[in-house]
Each structure stands twice: as structure tokens, then as C-alpha cells.
Amino acid sequence: MKILPTLEGGLRIDAEEPGDWMLLQGITHDAVSCDENLAHRLGGLITDEDVAPDWQEYIVPDLDEAFHADLSYIASAIAAARVECGGGPGPLWITTEDAFHWYSSLNQARLALEEIHRFGPSEHLSPSDLPPQNHNAFLRSQFYCAIQSLLLEHVMR
């Protein structure tokens, strides 16, 4: 897989083999892999007894809806790009209009992976010391982080 900035200010992801499409589809799978969704996990961090009930009633549902919309948006984009090239090599375009949906979805996936695997700071982690399931999740998390970095550097300026 190759990821390059475009002249229009977006990114072009070139899937080179079917496994690349699976890796991209993993973003949405990873994002929803926790027992409790991100909006509720964030809502649980609000512990002030005066604020928590309002947060749960008014903020969490809207946040959950926004997170779900972002995931649906990129799932559709990935599926459409994959169909367009018949599941083989082909491009996936991320425009400036798409950037926030992608950034949000990648962040959701990374936060879910961290919640499940508890990697901690990556500078203190040796991927080769991890069990296979954690190793693969860590590599996906790092891949998602790399795309987020490219989005910040080239698209979301």
C-alpha cells in the first residue's frame, strides 16, 4: 500500500493487493471492537454528580451519532473504492472534505485498540515482545497513526 499527498490537498491511498483493502476495512472493525462504544466511555469520565446526568442525556447520544456517522462515511468510501477496482489494485481518495471523517474514524480505532490491549506509550514498547494478537493490533494502531499524521500534515492544514 502506498499513501501519497495529492496536488488538490488530499491523500491518495493505493491498494496494491486484496489484503490492503482488508486492512483499510479494519479501521471500522477496530473502532467498534470494545464492549462499550467510545461516546459512553468518554461519558463515563464525567464524574461530577451535577454534570454527569446531563452529559449522559444530552452529549453522549449526539457524540455517539457523530462517531457512527464518521465510521459509516469511511466504510462507504472504502467499499466504493474497492468495488471500483474489483477488489484488486486501485486508488482510494481522501479529499479535504473527507479528512475529518477519516481522522475521527482512525482515532476511534486507535482508542479502541488501546482500551483493549493497553499498549501504553509506544516509545516504551517493543512490538516483537508482544503476543501475536497484540502485535497485529499494535501494528494496525501504528498504521492508523501514520495516516492521521499524513492527514494533519497534508490535508487538515
N, C-alpha and C. Protein backbone atom coordinates (compact mmCIF):
# COMPACT_ATOMS: atom_id res chain seq x y z
N MET A 1 0.85 -1.16 0.00
CA MET A 1 0.00 0.00 0.00
C MET A 1 0.90 1.23 0.00
N LYS A 2 0.48 2.20 -0.79
CA LYS A 2 1.19 3.48 -0.84
C LYS A 2 0.20 4.58 -0.50
N ILE A 3 0.69 5.58 0.22
CA ILE A 3 -0.15 6.73 0.57
C ILE A 3 0.63 7.98 0.19
N LEU A 4 0.03 8.79 -0.67
CA LEU A 4 0.69 9.98 -1.18
C LEU A 4 -0.22 11.19 -1.10
N PRO A 5 0.35 12.38 -0.84
CA PRO A 5 -0.47 13.59 -0.91
C PRO A 5 -0.82 13.89 -2.37
N THR A 6 -1.96 14.54 -2.56
CA THR A 6 -2.39 14.91 -3.91
C THR A 6 -2.15 16.40 -4.12
N LEU A 7 -2.14 16.80 -5.37
CA LEU A 7 -1.98 18.22 -5.69
C LEU A 7 -3.17 19.05 -5.21
N GLU A 8 -4.32 18.40 -5.07
CA GLU A 8 -5.53 19.09 -4.63
C GLU A 8 -5.60 19.26 -3.11
N GLY A 9 -4.61 18.74 -2.39
CA GLY A 9 -4.58 18.88 -0.94
C GLY A 9 -5.19 17.72 -0.19
N GLY A 10 -5.34 16.58 -0.84
CA GLY A 10 -5.87 15.40 -0.18
C GLY A 10 -4.82 14.31 -0.10
N LEU A 11 -5.29 13.09 0.06
CA LEU A 11 -4.41 11.92 0.05
C LEU A 11 -4.95 10.90 -0.94
N ARG A 12 -4.03 10.15 -1.51
CA ARG A 12 -4.39 9.03 -2.38
C ARG A 12 -3.76 7.80 -1.75
N ILE A 13 -4.60 6.83 -1.44
CA ILE A 13 -4.13 5.56 -0.91
C ILE A 13 -4.24 4.55 -2.05
N ASP A 14 -3.12 3.98 -2.42
CA ASP A 14 -3.10 2.97 -3.49
C ASP A 14 -3.02 1.59 -2.87
N ALA A 15 -4.14 0.87 -2.93
CA ALA A 15 -4.15 -0.53 -2.51
C ALA A 15 -3.46 -1.32 -3.60
N GLU A 16 -2.52 -2.16 -3.21
CA GLU A 16 -1.76 -2.93 -4.19
C GLU A 16 -2.15 -4.40 -4.23
N GLU A 17 -2.89 -4.84 -3.21
CA GLU A 17 -3.31 -6.24 -3.15
C GLU A 17 -4.57 -6.33 -2.31
N PRO A 18 -5.30 -7.42 -2.40
CA PRO A 18 -6.55 -7.55 -1.65
C PRO A 18 -6.40 -7.34 -0.14
N GLY A 19 -5.27 -7.74 0.43
CA GLY A 19 -5.04 -7.56 1.86
C GLY A 19 -5.04 -6.10 2.28
N ASP A 20 -4.68 -5.22 1.37
CA ASP A 20 -4.70 -3.78 1.68
C ASP A 20 -6.13 -3.31 1.94
N TRP A 21 -7.06 -3.83 1.14
CA TRP A 21 -8.47 -3.46 1.35
C TRP A 21 -8.96 -3.97 2.70
N MET A 22 -8.52 -5.17 3.07
CA MET A 22 -8.90 -5.73 4.37
C MET A 22 -8.35 -4.87 5.52
N LEU A 23 -7.12 -4.41 5.36
CA LEU A 23 -6.52 -3.55 6.38
C LEU A 23 -7.30 -2.25 6.52
N LEU A 24 -7.70 -1.67 5.41
CA LEU A 24 -8.49 -0.43 5.46
C LEU A 24 -9.86 -0.68 6.08
N GLN A 25 -10.48 -1.80 5.74
CA GLN A 25 -11.77 -2.12 6.34
C GLN A 25 -11.64 -2.37 7.85
N GLY A 26 -10.46 -2.74 8.28
CA GLY A 26 -10.21 -2.96 9.70
C GLY A 26 -10.38 -1.72 10.55
N ILE A 27 -10.30 -0.55 9.94
CA ILE A 27 -10.46 0.70 10.70
C ILE A 27 -11.83 0.69 11.39
N THR A 28 -12.88 0.43 10.63
CA THR A 28 -14.22 0.47 11.23
C THR A 28 -14.42 -0.71 12.18
N HIS A 29 -13.86 -1.85 11.85
CA HIS A 29 -13.98 -3.01 12.75
C HIS A 29 -13.30 -2.71 14.08
N ASP A 30 -12.08 -2.20 14.03
CA ASP A 30 -11.35 -1.88 15.26
C ASP A 30 -12.08 -0.82 16.08
N ALA A 31 -12.64 0.17 15.39
CA ALA A 31 -13.29 1.28 16.09
C ALA A 31 -14.47 0.83 16.96
N VAL A 32 -15.13 -0.24 16.55
CA VAL A 32 -16.30 -0.71 17.31
C VAL A 32 -16.02 -2.01 18.06
N SER A 33 -14.77 -2.33 18.28
CA SER A 33 -14.42 -3.62 18.87
C SER A 33 -14.50 -3.67 20.40
N CYS A 34 -14.70 -2.54 21.06
CA CYS A 34 -14.83 -2.52 22.52
C CYS A 34 -16.25 -2.93 22.92
N ASP A 35 -16.37 -3.42 24.14
CA ASP A 35 -17.70 -3.77 24.65
C ASP A 35 -18.59 -2.54 24.77
N GLU A 36 -17.99 -1.41 25.08
CA GLU A 36 -18.74 -0.16 25.24
C GLU A 36 -18.22 0.84 24.22
N ASN A 37 -19.13 1.55 23.54
CA ASN A 37 -18.69 2.46 22.50
C ASN A 37 -17.96 3.68 23.09
N LEU A 38 -17.23 4.37 22.23
CA LEU A 38 -16.39 5.47 22.67
C LEU A 38 -17.18 6.58 23.34
N ALA A 39 -18.33 6.93 22.82
CA ALA A 39 -19.12 8.01 23.42
C ALA A 39 -19.46 7.68 24.88
N HIS A 40 -19.83 6.45 25.15
CA HIS A 40 -20.15 6.06 26.52
C HIS A 40 -18.90 5.99 27.39
N ARG A 41 -17.78 5.54 26.82
CA ARG A 41 -16.53 5.52 27.59
C ARG A 41 -16.13 6.94 27.97
N LEU A 42 -16.28 7.87 27.04
CA LEU A 42 -15.96 9.27 27.34
C LEU A 42 -16.94 9.83 28.37
N GLY A 43 -18.21 9.50 28.23
CA GLY A 43 -19.21 9.96 29.18
C GLY A 43 -18.93 9.45 30.59
N GLY A 44 -18.38 8.26 30.68
CA GLY A 44 -18.04 7.70 31.98
C GLY A 44 -16.93 8.45 32.70
N LEU A 45 -16.18 9.26 31.94
CA LEU A 45 -15.11 10.05 32.55
C LEU A 45 -15.65 11.27 33.29
N ILE A 46 -16.89 11.63 33.01
CA ILE A 46 -17.52 12.76 33.69
C ILE A 46 -18.09 12.25 35.01
N THR A 47 -17.45 12.63 36.11
CA THR A 47 -17.84 12.08 37.41
C THR A 47 -18.52 13.11 38.32
N ASP A 48 -18.54 14.36 37.92
CA ASP A 48 -19.21 15.38 38.74
C ASP A 48 -20.70 15.07 38.78
N GLU A 49 -21.24 14.87 39.97
CA GLU A 49 -22.63 14.45 40.12
C GLU A 49 -23.63 15.47 39.57
N ASP A 50 -23.23 16.74 39.50
CA ASP A 50 -24.12 17.77 38.96
C ASP A 50 -24.13 17.78 37.44
N VAL A 51 -23.07 17.32 36.84
CA VAL A 51 -22.91 17.40 35.38
C VAL A 51 -23.16 16.06 34.69
N ALA A 52 -22.79 14.98 35.33
CA ALA A 52 -22.82 13.65 34.70
C ALA A 52 -24.17 13.27 34.10
N PRO A 53 -25.30 13.47 34.82
CA PRO A 53 -26.58 13.07 34.21
C PRO A 53 -26.91 13.84 32.93
N ASP A 54 -26.63 15.14 32.91
CA ASP A 54 -26.87 15.93 31.70
C ASP A 54 -25.95 15.48 30.57
N TRP A 55 -24.70 15.21 30.89
CA TRP A 55 -23.75 14.73 29.89
C TRP A 55 -24.27 13.45 29.26
N GLN A 56 -24.71 12.50 30.10
CA GLN A 56 -25.21 11.22 29.60
C GLN A 56 -26.47 11.40 28.75
N GLU A 57 -27.32 12.33 29.15
CA GLU A 57 -28.59 12.52 28.43
C GLU A 57 -28.45 13.32 27.15
N TYR A 58 -27.62 14.36 27.17
CA TYR A 58 -27.57 15.28 26.03
C TYR A 58 -26.33 15.13 25.15
N ILE A 59 -25.20 14.88 25.73
CA ILE A 59 -23.94 14.86 24.96
C ILE A 59 -23.65 13.49 24.37
N VAL A 60 -23.74 12.45 25.20
CA VAL A 60 -23.36 11.11 24.76
C VAL A 60 -24.15 10.66 23.52
N PRO A 61 -25.47 10.83 23.45
CA PRO A 61 -26.18 10.39 22.23
C PRO A 61 -25.73 11.13 20.97
N ASP A 62 -25.52 12.43 21.08
CA ASP A 62 -25.06 13.20 19.91
C ASP A 62 -23.65 12.80 19.50
N LEU A 63 -22.80 12.59 20.50
CA LEU A 63 -21.43 12.17 20.23
C LEU A 63 -21.42 10.78 19.57
N ASP A 64 -22.23 9.89 20.09
CA ASP A 64 -22.32 8.55 19.52
C ASP A 64 -22.81 8.61 18.08
N GLU A 65 -23.79 9.43 17.82
CA GLU A 65 -24.31 9.58 16.45
C GLU A 65 -23.24 10.14 15.52
N ALA A 66 -22.49 11.12 15.97
CA ALA A 66 -21.43 11.71 15.15
C ALA A 66 -20.32 10.68 14.87
N PHE A 67 -19.92 9.94 15.90
CA PHE A 67 -18.89 8.91 15.71
C PHE A 67 -19.37 7.85 14.71
N HIS A 68 -20.61 7.42 14.86
CA HIS A 68 -21.17 6.41 13.96
C HIS A 68 -21.23 6.95 12.52
N ALA A 69 -21.61 8.20 12.36
CA ALA A 69 -21.68 8.80 11.02
C ALA A 69 -20.31 8.82 10.35
N ASP A 70 -19.27 9.15 11.12
CA ASP A 70 -17.92 9.16 10.56
C ASP A 70 -17.50 7.77 10.11
N LEU A 71 -17.79 6.76 10.94
CA LEU A 71 -17.44 5.39 10.58
C LEU A 71 -18.20 4.92 9.34
N SER A 72 -19.48 5.26 9.26
CA SER A 72 -20.28 4.89 8.09
C SER A 72 -19.75 5.55 6.83
N TYR A 73 -19.33 6.79 6.96
CA TYR A 73 -18.81 7.56 5.83
C TYR A 73 -17.58 6.87 5.25
N ILE A 74 -16.61 6.53 6.12
CA ILE A 74 -15.39 5.94 5.56
C ILE A 74 -15.61 4.49 5.14
N ALA A 75 -16.50 3.78 5.82
CA ALA A 75 -16.80 2.40 5.39
C ALA A 75 -17.37 2.42 3.97
N SER A 76 -18.23 3.38 3.69
CA SER A 76 -18.80 3.52 2.34
C SER A 76 -17.72 3.89 1.34
N ALA A 77 -16.83 4.79 1.71
CA ALA A 77 -15.76 5.22 0.80
C ALA A 77 -14.84 4.05 0.47
N ILE A 78 -14.48 3.27 1.47
CA ILE A 78 -13.60 2.12 1.25
C ILE A 78 -14.30 1.09 0.38
N ALA A 79 -15.56 0.79 0.69
CA ALA A 79 -16.31 -0.20 -0.10
C ALA A 79 -16.45 0.25 -1.55
N ALA A 80 -16.77 1.52 -1.77
CA ALA A 80 -16.93 2.03 -3.14
C ALA A 80 -15.62 1.95 -3.91
N ALA A 81 -14.52 2.33 -3.28
CA ALA A 81 -13.22 2.29 -3.96
C ALA A 81 -12.84 0.84 -4.28
N ARG A 82 -13.13 -0.05 -3.36
CA ARG A 82 -12.80 -1.46 -3.57
C ARG A 82 -13.61 -2.04 -4.73
N VAL A 83 -14.88 -1.72 -4.79
CA VAL A 83 -15.74 -2.20 -5.88
C VAL A 83 -15.27 -1.61 -7.20
N GLU A 84 -14.93 -0.35 -7.18
CA GLU A 84 -14.47 0.35 -8.40
C GLU A 84 -13.30 -0.36 -9.06
N CYS A 85 -12.42 -0.93 -8.26
CA CYS A 85 -11.24 -1.59 -8.84
C CYS A 85 -11.36 -3.12 -8.78
N GLY A 86 -12.54 -3.62 -8.50
CA GLY A 86 -12.77 -5.06 -8.49
C GLY A 86 -12.04 -5.80 -7.38
N GLY A 87 -11.71 -5.11 -6.31
CA GLY A 87 -11.03 -5.75 -5.18
C GLY A 87 -9.53 -5.92 -5.37
N GLY A 88 -9.05 -5.51 -6.52
CA GLY A 88 -7.61 -5.60 -6.79
C GLY A 88 -6.93 -4.27 -6.55
N PRO A 89 -5.80 -4.07 -7.19
CA PRO A 89 -5.07 -2.81 -7.03
C PRO A 89 -5.93 -1.62 -7.49
N GLY A 90 -5.85 -0.53 -6.72
CA GLY A 90 -6.61 0.64 -7.09
C GLY A 90 -6.52 1.72 -6.04
N PRO A 91 -6.99 2.93 -6.40
CA PRO A 91 -6.87 4.07 -5.50
C PRO A 91 -8.09 4.28 -4.61
N LEU A 92 -7.83 4.90 -3.48
CA LEU A 92 -8.84 5.42 -2.58
C LEU A 92 -8.43 6.86 -2.32
N TRP A 93 -9.35 7.77 -2.60
CA TRP A 93 -9.04 9.20 -2.49
C TRP A 93 -9.62 9.77 -1.20
N ILE A 94 -8.83 10.55 -0.49
CA ILE A 94 -9.31 11.28 0.68
C ILE A 94 -9.17 12.77 0.35
N THR A 95 -10.29 13.45 0.23
CA THR A 95 -10.29 14.87 -0.09
C THR A 95 -10.28 15.70 1.20
N THR A 96 -10.14 16.98 1.04
CA THR A 96 -10.19 17.85 2.23
C THR A 96 -11.55 17.76 2.91
N GLU A 97 -12.60 17.53 2.14
CA GLU A 97 -13.94 17.40 2.70
C GLU A 97 -14.09 16.09 3.50
N ASP A 98 -13.31 15.09 3.15
CA ASP A 98 -13.37 13.79 3.82
C ASP A 98 -12.48 13.70 5.06
N ALA A 99 -11.54 14.62 5.18
CA ALA A 99 -10.46 14.48 6.15
C ALA A 99 -10.94 14.30 7.59
N PHE A 100 -11.90 15.08 8.03
CA PHE A 100 -12.33 14.95 9.42
C PHE A 100 -12.96 13.60 9.69
N HIS A 101 -13.76 13.09 8.74
CA HIS A 101 -14.36 11.76 8.91
C HIS A 101 -13.28 10.69 9.09
N TRP A 102 -12.24 10.80 8.27
CA TRP A 102 -11.13 9.85 8.36
C TRP A 102 -10.38 10.00 9.67
N TYR A 103 -10.06 11.23 10.03
CA TYR A 103 -9.30 11.45 11.26
C TYR A 103 -10.08 10.92 12.46
N SER A 104 -11.36 11.23 12.53
CA SER A 104 -12.21 10.76 13.62
C SER A 104 -12.26 9.24 13.67
N SER A 105 -12.46 8.60 12.54
CA SER A 105 -12.57 7.15 12.50
C SER A 105 -11.26 6.47 12.89
N LEU A 106 -10.16 7.01 12.40
CA LEU A 106 -8.85 6.46 12.77
C LEU A 106 -8.61 6.62 14.27
N ASN A 107 -9.01 7.76 14.80
CA ASN A 107 -8.85 8.00 16.23
C ASN A 107 -9.70 7.03 17.05
N GLN A 108 -10.93 6.82 16.61
CA GLN A 108 -11.80 5.86 17.29
C GLN A 108 -11.16 4.47 17.30
N ALA A 109 -10.60 4.08 16.17
CA ALA A 109 -9.97 2.76 16.07
C ALA A 109 -8.76 2.67 17.00
N ARG A 110 -7.94 3.69 17.01
CA ARG A 110 -6.75 3.68 17.87
C ARG A 110 -7.14 3.66 19.35
N LEU A 111 -8.13 4.44 19.72
CA LEU A 111 -8.56 4.46 21.12
C LEU A 111 -9.15 3.11 21.54
N ALA A 112 -9.88 2.47 20.66
CA ALA A 112 -10.44 1.14 20.97
C ALA A 112 -9.32 0.11 21.13
N LEU A 113 -8.35 0.14 20.23
CA LEU A 113 -7.23 -0.80 20.34
C LEU A 113 -6.47 -0.60 21.65
N GLU A 114 -6.28 0.65 22.02
CA GLU A 114 -5.59 0.94 23.29
C GLU A 114 -6.42 0.47 24.47
N GLU A 115 -7.72 0.68 24.42
CA GLU A 115 -8.61 0.25 25.50
C GLU A 115 -8.54 -1.27 25.69
N ILE A 116 -8.50 -2.00 24.60
CA ILE A 116 -8.50 -3.47 24.65
C ILE A 116 -7.13 -4.01 25.05
N HIS A 117 -6.06 -3.47 24.45
CA HIS A 117 -4.73 -4.07 24.59
C HIS A 117 -3.83 -3.36 25.59
N ARG A 118 -4.17 -2.14 25.97
CA ARG A 118 -3.38 -1.38 26.96
C ARG A 118 -1.89 -1.33 26.59
N PHE A 119 -1.61 -0.84 25.40
CA PHE A 119 -0.23 -0.75 24.94
C PHE A 119 0.59 0.25 25.76
N GLY A 120 -0.01 1.38 26.07
CA GLY A 120 0.74 2.44 26.74
C GLY A 120 1.58 3.19 25.73
N PRO A 121 2.50 4.03 26.20
CA PRO A 121 3.34 4.82 25.29
C PRO A 121 4.16 3.91 24.37
N SER A 122 4.10 4.18 23.07
CA SER A 122 4.76 3.31 22.10
C SER A 122 6.28 3.38 22.18
N GLU A 123 6.83 4.47 22.71
CA GLU A 123 8.30 4.55 22.79
C GLU A 123 8.87 3.56 23.82
N HIS A 124 8.03 3.03 24.70
CA HIS A 124 8.48 2.06 25.70
C HIS A 124 8.07 0.63 25.34
N LEU A 125 7.65 0.44 24.11
CA LEU A 125 7.08 -0.84 23.72
C LEU A 125 7.92 -1.46 22.62
N SER A 126 8.20 -2.73 22.76
CA SER A 126 8.88 -3.47 21.72
C SER A 126 7.86 -4.41 21.08
N PRO A 127 7.43 -4.11 19.86
CA PRO A 127 6.40 -4.92 19.21
C PRO A 127 6.76 -6.41 19.13
N SER A 128 8.03 -6.72 19.02
CA SER A 128 8.43 -8.13 18.91
C SER A 128 8.20 -8.90 20.21
N ASP A 129 8.05 -8.19 21.33
CA ASP A 129 7.80 -8.85 22.61
C ASP A 129 6.32 -9.13 22.85
N LEU A 130 5.46 -8.65 21.98
CA LEU A 130 4.02 -8.81 22.17
C LEU A 130 3.54 -10.16 21.64
N PRO A 131 2.49 -10.72 22.25
CA PRO A 131 1.87 -11.92 21.67
C PRO A 131 1.31 -11.58 20.28
N PRO A 132 1.13 -12.55 19.40
CA PRO A 132 0.70 -12.27 18.01
C PRO A 132 -0.54 -11.39 17.89
N GLN A 133 -1.58 -11.65 18.68
CA GLN A 133 -2.80 -10.84 18.56
C GLN A 133 -2.52 -9.39 18.94
N ASN A 134 -1.78 -9.17 20.00
CA ASN A 134 -1.44 -7.81 20.41
C ASN A 134 -0.47 -7.17 19.43
N HIS A 135 0.44 -7.97 18.90
CA HIS A 135 1.41 -7.46 17.93
C HIS A 135 0.69 -6.91 16.70
N ASN A 136 -0.25 -7.68 16.16
CA ASN A 136 -1.00 -7.24 14.98
C ASN A 136 -1.83 -6.00 15.28
N ALA A 137 -2.46 -5.96 16.44
CA ALA A 137 -3.25 -4.79 16.83
C ALA A 137 -2.35 -3.56 16.98
N PHE A 138 -1.17 -3.75 17.55
CA PHE A 138 -0.25 -2.63 17.70
C PHE A 138 0.19 -2.10 16.34
N LEU A 139 0.48 -2.99 15.42
CA LEU A 139 0.89 -2.55 14.08
C LEU A 139 -0.24 -1.80 13.38
N ARG A 140 -1.48 -2.28 13.54
CA ARG A 140 -2.62 -1.55 12.97
C ARG A 140 -2.73 -0.16 13.60
N SER A 141 -2.58 -0.09 14.90
CA SER A 141 -2.65 1.19 15.59
C SER A 141 -1.59 2.16 15.06
N GLN A 142 -0.39 1.65 14.84
CA GLN A 142 0.68 2.49 14.31
C GLN A 142 0.39 2.92 12.87
N PHE A 143 -0.20 2.03 12.09
CA PHE A 143 -0.59 2.35 10.72
C PHE A 143 -1.65 3.46 10.72
N TYR A 144 -2.65 3.32 11.60
CA TYR A 144 -3.69 4.35 11.71
C TYR A 144 -3.08 5.68 12.13
N CYS A 145 -2.13 5.64 13.04
CA CYS A 145 -1.45 6.86 13.48
C CYS A 145 -0.70 7.52 12.31
N ALA A 146 -0.08 6.71 11.49
CA ALA A 146 0.66 7.24 10.33
C ALA A 146 -0.29 7.95 9.36
N ILE A 147 -1.46 7.36 9.12
CA ILE A 147 -2.43 8.03 8.24
C ILE A 147 -2.90 9.33 8.88
N GLN A 148 -3.16 9.30 10.18
CA GLN A 148 -3.57 10.54 10.87
C GLN A 148 -2.49 11.61 10.72
N SER A 149 -1.24 11.24 10.84
CA SER A 149 -0.15 12.20 10.70
C SER A 149 -0.13 12.79 9.29
N LEU A 150 -0.34 11.95 8.29
CA LEU A 150 -0.39 12.43 6.91
C LEU A 150 -1.59 13.37 6.71
N LEU A 151 -2.72 13.03 7.32
CA LEU A 151 -3.88 13.92 7.23
C LEU A 151 -3.58 15.29 7.84
N LEU A 152 -2.95 15.29 9.00
CA LEU A 152 -2.62 16.55 9.65
C LEU A 152 -1.61 17.36 8.84
N GLU A 153 -0.63 16.67 8.29
CA GLU A 153 0.44 17.35 7.57
C GLU A 153 0.01 17.87 6.19
N HIS A 154 -0.80 17.10 5.49
CA HIS A 154 -1.09 17.44 4.10
C HIS A 154 -2.53 17.87 3.81
N VAL A 155 -3.46 17.52 4.67
CA VAL A 155 -4.86 17.74 4.34
C VAL A 155 -5.56 18.72 5.28
N MET A 156 -5.30 18.61 6.56
CA MET A 156 -6.02 19.39 7.55
C MET A 156 -5.20 20.60 8.03
N ARG A 157 -4.58 21.28 7.12
CA ARG A 157 -3.72 22.42 7.49
C ARG A 157 -4.51 23.64 7.80
